[in-house]
N, C-alpha and C. Protein backbone atom coordinates (compact mmCIF):
# COMPACT_ATOMS: atom_id res chain seq x y z
N MET A 1 0.85 -1.17 0.00
CA MET A 1 0.00 0.00 0.00
C MET A 1 0.90 1.24 0.00
N VAL A 2 0.57 2.20 -0.88
CA VAL A 2 1.27 3.48 -0.90
C VAL A 2 0.36 4.51 -0.24
N THR A 3 0.87 5.19 0.76
CA THR A 3 0.09 6.20 1.47
C THR A 3 0.82 7.54 1.33
N THR A 4 0.06 8.56 0.98
CA THR A 4 0.66 9.87 0.69
C THR A 4 -0.13 10.96 1.38
N ILE A 5 0.58 11.91 1.94
CA ILE A 5 -0.01 13.07 2.58
C ILE A 5 0.31 14.28 1.70
N HIS A 6 -0.70 15.11 1.43
CA HIS A 6 -0.54 16.30 0.59
C HIS A 6 -0.78 17.55 1.43
N LEU A 7 -0.03 18.59 1.12
CA LEU A 7 -0.21 19.88 1.77
C LEU A 7 0.05 20.97 0.73
N LYS A 8 -0.86 21.94 0.63
CA LYS A 8 -0.67 23.10 -0.24
C LYS A 8 -0.89 24.34 0.61
N MET A 9 -0.02 25.33 0.41
CA MET A 9 -0.15 26.55 1.19
C MET A 9 0.43 27.73 0.42
N GLN A 10 -0.01 28.92 0.78
CA GLN A 10 0.58 30.14 0.24
C GLN A 10 1.30 30.84 1.37
N VAL A 11 2.44 31.43 1.03
CA VAL A 11 3.28 32.07 2.04
C VAL A 11 4.06 33.21 1.38
N ARG A 12 4.39 34.19 2.16
CA ARG A 12 5.21 35.31 1.71
C ARG A 12 6.67 34.91 1.89
N GLY A 13 7.49 35.24 0.90
CA GLY A 13 8.91 34.94 0.99
C GLY A 13 9.74 36.03 0.36
N PHE A 14 11.03 35.97 0.56
CA PHE A 14 11.95 37.00 0.09
C PHE A 14 13.08 36.36 -0.70
N HIS A 15 12.71 35.78 -1.84
CA HIS A 15 13.66 35.02 -2.65
C HIS A 15 13.76 35.61 -4.04
N GLY A 16 14.98 35.64 -4.56
CA GLY A 16 15.20 36.11 -5.92
C GLY A 16 16.64 36.54 -6.11
N VAL A 17 17.05 36.54 -7.34
CA VAL A 17 18.42 36.95 -7.66
C VAL A 17 18.58 38.45 -7.44
N ASP A 18 17.55 39.22 -7.77
CA ASP A 18 17.63 40.68 -7.59
C ASP A 18 17.45 41.04 -6.12
N GLU A 19 18.27 41.99 -5.67
CA GLU A 19 18.19 42.43 -4.27
C GLU A 19 16.79 42.96 -3.94
N GLN A 20 16.16 43.61 -4.90
CA GLN A 20 14.81 44.16 -4.70
C GLN A 20 13.83 43.04 -4.30
N GLU A 21 13.92 41.90 -4.94
CA GLU A 21 13.02 40.78 -4.61
C GLU A 21 13.24 40.31 -3.18
N ARG A 22 14.49 40.27 -2.77
CA ARG A 22 14.79 39.81 -1.41
C ARG A 22 14.40 40.85 -0.36
N ARG A 23 14.27 42.11 -0.78
CA ARG A 23 13.88 43.16 0.15
C ARG A 23 12.36 43.31 0.23
N VAL A 24 11.69 43.32 -0.92
CA VAL A 24 10.24 43.57 -0.98
C VAL A 24 9.43 42.29 -0.76
N GLY A 25 9.92 41.18 -1.25
CA GLY A 25 9.22 39.91 -1.09
C GLY A 25 8.24 39.62 -2.21
N ASN A 26 7.65 38.46 -2.15
CA ASN A 26 6.73 37.99 -3.16
C ASN A 26 5.83 36.93 -2.52
N ASP A 27 4.77 36.60 -3.22
CA ASP A 27 3.88 35.53 -2.77
C ASP A 27 4.29 34.23 -3.46
N PHE A 28 4.25 33.16 -2.70
CA PHE A 28 4.65 31.84 -3.18
C PHE A 28 3.58 30.81 -2.84
N ALA A 29 3.44 29.83 -3.71
CA ALA A 29 2.62 28.66 -3.43
C ALA A 29 3.58 27.49 -3.22
N VAL A 30 3.39 26.77 -2.14
CA VAL A 30 4.23 25.61 -1.84
C VAL A 30 3.33 24.40 -1.74
N SER A 31 3.70 23.34 -2.44
CA SER A 31 2.93 22.09 -2.33
C SER A 31 3.89 20.95 -2.04
N LEU A 32 3.41 20.06 -1.18
CA LEU A 32 4.19 18.88 -0.80
C LEU A 32 3.32 17.65 -0.91
N SER A 33 3.88 16.59 -1.43
CA SER A 33 3.27 15.26 -1.41
C SER A 33 4.32 14.34 -0.80
N LEU A 34 3.99 13.77 0.34
CA LEU A 34 4.96 12.98 1.09
C LEU A 34 4.46 11.56 1.29
N GLN A 35 5.21 10.60 0.78
CA GLN A 35 4.86 9.20 0.97
C GLN A 35 5.33 8.79 2.36
N TYR A 36 4.37 8.37 3.15
CA TYR A 36 4.64 8.08 4.55
C TYR A 36 3.75 6.92 4.97
N PRO A 37 4.28 5.97 5.71
CA PRO A 37 3.48 4.81 6.11
C PRO A 37 2.49 5.15 7.22
N PHE A 38 1.31 5.60 6.84
CA PHE A 38 0.33 5.96 7.86
C PHE A 38 -0.73 4.89 8.09
N ASP A 39 -0.41 3.64 7.75
CA ASP A 39 -1.34 2.54 8.02
C ASP A 39 -1.60 2.39 9.52
N LYS A 40 -0.58 2.66 10.35
CA LYS A 40 -0.77 2.57 11.80
C LYS A 40 -1.77 3.64 12.26
N ALA A 41 -1.68 4.85 11.70
CA ALA A 41 -2.60 5.93 12.07
C ALA A 41 -4.03 5.62 11.64
N MET A 42 -4.19 4.87 10.54
CA MET A 42 -5.53 4.49 10.11
C MET A 42 -6.22 3.63 11.16
N ALA A 43 -5.43 2.85 11.89
CA ALA A 43 -6.00 2.00 12.93
C ALA A 43 -6.08 2.70 14.30
N SER A 44 -5.08 3.55 14.59
CA SER A 44 -5.00 4.11 15.94
C SER A 44 -5.74 5.42 16.14
N ASP A 45 -5.91 6.21 15.06
CA ASP A 45 -6.49 7.55 15.16
C ASP A 45 -5.65 8.43 16.07
N ASN A 46 -4.31 8.23 16.02
CA ASN A 46 -3.38 8.95 16.89
C ASN A 46 -2.43 9.76 16.03
N LEU A 47 -2.33 11.07 16.29
CA LEU A 47 -1.47 11.96 15.53
C LEU A 47 0.00 11.53 15.57
N ASP A 48 0.42 10.90 16.65
CA ASP A 48 1.81 10.46 16.76
C ASP A 48 2.17 9.38 15.74
N ASP A 49 1.16 8.78 15.10
CA ASP A 49 1.40 7.71 14.13
C ASP A 49 1.41 8.21 12.68
N THR A 50 1.46 9.52 12.49
CA THR A 50 1.45 10.06 11.14
C THR A 50 2.22 11.36 11.10
N ILE A 51 2.12 12.07 9.99
CA ILE A 51 2.75 13.37 9.82
C ILE A 51 1.76 14.46 10.23
N SER A 52 2.22 15.38 11.03
CA SER A 52 1.40 16.51 11.43
C SER A 52 1.46 17.59 10.35
N TYR A 53 0.31 17.91 9.75
CA TYR A 53 0.27 18.99 8.76
C TYR A 53 0.80 20.28 9.37
N ALA A 54 0.46 20.54 10.62
CA ALA A 54 0.89 21.77 11.28
C ALA A 54 2.41 21.82 11.39
N ASP A 55 3.05 20.69 11.71
CA ASP A 55 4.51 20.66 11.79
C ASP A 55 5.14 20.91 10.44
N VAL A 56 4.60 20.29 9.39
CA VAL A 56 5.14 20.49 8.05
C VAL A 56 4.95 21.94 7.61
N ALA A 57 3.78 22.50 7.88
CA ALA A 57 3.53 23.90 7.53
C ALA A 57 4.50 24.82 8.26
N ALA A 58 4.81 24.52 9.51
CA ALA A 58 5.76 25.33 10.27
C ALA A 58 7.15 25.25 9.66
N ILE A 59 7.55 24.07 9.22
CA ILE A 59 8.84 23.91 8.56
C ILE A 59 8.88 24.76 7.29
N VAL A 60 7.81 24.70 6.50
CA VAL A 60 7.75 25.48 5.26
C VAL A 60 7.86 26.97 5.58
N ARG A 61 7.06 27.45 6.53
CA ARG A 61 7.10 28.87 6.89
C ARG A 61 8.50 29.28 7.37
N GLU A 62 9.11 28.43 8.17
CA GLU A 62 10.45 28.72 8.69
C GLU A 62 11.47 28.84 7.56
N GLN A 63 11.44 27.91 6.62
CA GLN A 63 12.40 27.93 5.52
C GLN A 63 12.09 29.04 4.51
N MET A 64 10.82 29.34 4.32
CA MET A 64 10.46 30.42 3.40
C MET A 64 10.84 31.78 3.97
N ALA A 65 11.04 31.89 5.27
CA ALA A 65 11.41 33.15 5.91
C ALA A 65 12.90 33.47 5.74
N VAL A 66 13.69 32.50 5.29
CA VAL A 66 15.12 32.70 5.09
C VAL A 66 15.35 33.12 3.63
N PRO A 67 15.76 34.37 3.38
CA PRO A 67 15.95 34.82 2.00
C PRO A 67 17.00 34.00 1.26
N SER A 68 16.68 33.69 0.01
CA SER A 68 17.60 32.95 -0.85
C SER A 68 17.54 33.53 -2.26
N LYS A 69 18.63 33.40 -2.98
CA LYS A 69 18.62 33.83 -4.38
C LYS A 69 17.85 32.84 -5.25
N LEU A 70 18.01 31.55 -4.97
CA LEU A 70 17.45 30.52 -5.83
C LEU A 70 16.35 29.72 -5.14
N LEU A 71 15.27 29.50 -5.87
CA LEU A 71 14.20 28.64 -5.35
C LEU A 71 14.69 27.21 -5.16
N GLU A 72 15.66 26.79 -5.95
CA GLU A 72 16.25 25.46 -5.79
C GLU A 72 16.82 25.29 -4.38
N HIS A 73 17.44 26.35 -3.88
CA HIS A 73 18.00 26.32 -2.53
C HIS A 73 16.90 26.20 -1.49
N VAL A 74 15.81 26.94 -1.70
CA VAL A 74 14.67 26.91 -0.78
C VAL A 74 14.07 25.51 -0.74
N VAL A 75 13.82 24.93 -1.92
CA VAL A 75 13.24 23.58 -1.99
C VAL A 75 14.15 22.56 -1.30
N GLY A 76 15.45 22.70 -1.51
CA GLY A 76 16.40 21.78 -0.87
C GLY A 76 16.36 21.88 0.65
N ARG A 77 16.24 23.09 1.17
CA ARG A 77 16.15 23.26 2.63
C ARG A 77 14.86 22.68 3.19
N ILE A 78 13.76 22.93 2.50
CA ILE A 78 12.48 22.38 2.97
C ILE A 78 12.55 20.86 2.99
N ARG A 79 13.06 20.27 1.91
CA ARG A 79 13.16 18.80 1.84
C ARG A 79 14.02 18.27 2.98
N ARG A 80 15.16 18.87 3.19
CA ARG A 80 16.07 18.40 4.24
C ARG A 80 15.41 18.46 5.62
N GLU A 81 14.73 19.55 5.92
CA GLU A 81 14.12 19.69 7.24
C GLU A 81 12.93 18.75 7.44
N VAL A 82 12.13 18.56 6.39
CA VAL A 82 11.01 17.63 6.49
C VAL A 82 11.52 16.20 6.71
N LEU A 83 12.56 15.82 5.97
CA LEU A 83 13.12 14.47 6.14
C LEU A 83 13.80 14.31 7.50
N ASN A 84 14.41 15.36 8.02
CA ASN A 84 14.99 15.29 9.36
C ASN A 84 13.91 15.05 10.41
N ARG A 85 12.77 15.71 10.25
CA ARG A 85 11.67 15.57 11.22
C ARG A 85 10.94 14.24 11.06
N TYR A 86 10.82 13.76 9.81
CA TYR A 86 10.06 12.53 9.53
C TYR A 86 10.92 11.58 8.68
N PRO A 87 11.88 10.89 9.28
CA PRO A 87 12.78 10.03 8.51
C PRO A 87 12.09 8.84 7.84
N ALA A 88 10.87 8.52 8.23
CA ALA A 88 10.17 7.39 7.61
C ALA A 88 9.56 7.75 6.25
N ILE A 89 9.67 9.01 5.84
CA ILE A 89 9.18 9.40 4.51
C ILE A 89 9.98 8.62 3.48
N SER A 90 9.29 7.93 2.58
CA SER A 90 9.97 7.09 1.60
C SER A 90 10.09 7.74 0.23
N GLY A 91 9.44 8.84 0.01
CA GLY A 91 9.50 9.54 -1.26
C GLY A 91 8.59 10.74 -1.21
N GLY A 92 8.67 11.55 -2.23
CA GLY A 92 7.79 12.70 -2.23
C GLY A 92 8.06 13.67 -3.35
N ARG A 93 7.36 14.79 -3.27
CA ARG A 93 7.49 15.87 -4.24
C ARG A 93 7.25 17.18 -3.49
N ILE A 94 8.13 18.15 -3.73
CA ILE A 94 7.97 19.48 -3.17
C ILE A 94 8.12 20.47 -4.30
N ALA A 95 7.17 21.39 -4.42
CA ALA A 95 7.23 22.44 -5.43
C ALA A 95 7.06 23.79 -4.77
N VAL A 96 7.85 24.75 -5.23
CA VAL A 96 7.73 26.14 -4.79
C VAL A 96 7.50 26.97 -6.04
N VAL A 97 6.39 27.72 -6.03
CA VAL A 97 6.01 28.54 -7.18
C VAL A 97 6.04 30.01 -6.78
N LYS A 98 6.82 30.80 -7.51
CA LYS A 98 6.81 32.26 -7.32
C LYS A 98 5.65 32.78 -8.16
N LEU A 99 4.66 33.35 -7.49
CA LEU A 99 3.41 33.71 -8.16
C LEU A 99 3.50 34.95 -9.02
N ASN A 100 4.38 35.87 -8.71
CA ASN A 100 4.50 37.11 -9.48
C ASN A 100 5.96 37.49 -9.68
N PRO A 101 6.71 36.71 -10.45
CA PRO A 101 8.12 37.07 -10.64
C PRO A 101 8.23 38.37 -11.43
N PRO A 102 9.36 39.07 -11.29
CA PRO A 102 9.52 40.34 -11.99
C PRO A 102 9.83 40.13 -13.48
N ILE A 103 8.86 39.55 -14.17
CA ILE A 103 8.94 39.27 -15.60
C ILE A 103 7.66 39.81 -16.22
N PRO A 104 7.74 40.52 -17.33
CA PRO A 104 6.52 41.08 -17.94
C PRO A 104 5.49 40.01 -18.27
N GLY A 105 4.23 40.35 -18.04
CA GLY A 105 3.13 39.44 -18.35
C GLY A 105 2.69 38.66 -17.13
N GLN A 106 1.71 37.79 -17.34
CA GLN A 106 1.25 36.92 -16.26
C GLN A 106 2.13 35.68 -16.26
N VAL A 107 3.02 35.61 -15.29
CA VAL A 107 4.03 34.55 -15.26
C VAL A 107 4.09 33.97 -13.85
N GLU A 108 4.25 32.67 -13.77
CA GLU A 108 4.59 31.97 -12.54
C GLU A 108 5.88 31.22 -12.81
N ALA A 109 6.77 31.21 -11.86
CA ALA A 109 8.03 30.47 -11.99
C ALA A 109 8.10 29.44 -10.88
N ALA A 110 8.50 28.22 -11.20
CA ALA A 110 8.47 27.15 -10.19
C ALA A 110 9.69 26.26 -10.28
N VAL A 111 10.02 25.67 -9.15
CA VAL A 111 10.99 24.58 -9.09
C VAL A 111 10.35 23.44 -8.31
N GLU A 112 10.79 22.24 -8.63
CA GLU A 112 10.20 21.07 -8.00
C GLU A 112 11.25 20.00 -7.83
N VAL A 113 11.20 19.32 -6.73
CA VAL A 113 12.07 18.17 -6.52
C VAL A 113 11.18 16.97 -6.22
N GLU A 114 11.52 15.85 -6.84
CA GLU A 114 10.78 14.61 -6.60
C GLU A 114 11.81 13.51 -6.36
N TRP A 115 11.53 12.68 -5.37
CA TRP A 115 12.45 11.59 -5.05
C TRP A 115 11.68 10.34 -4.70
């Protein structure tokens, strides 16, 4: 059985190559899909047997608060911290989307890591 937990959130961050982006900030959408063995939680109804959405959201907010030039760096930090907190994660996907990059037109820019 493959069990996956999904989380999508919007958060303010200060990421970009231009200093202006790191000073003014931007809105970002972050989505995570984490493969985690929550069969025990299905039987126990106990939060200790699964991933806490609140904990993962806190990790995302914490990492998004650290300014970075590259979204790749941000995604790498989020992945590392989530795996440190939940080592039983067997795979997943994390995407960070910059909703309004400083590019003319309606543009979204994203990076994603899947393992």
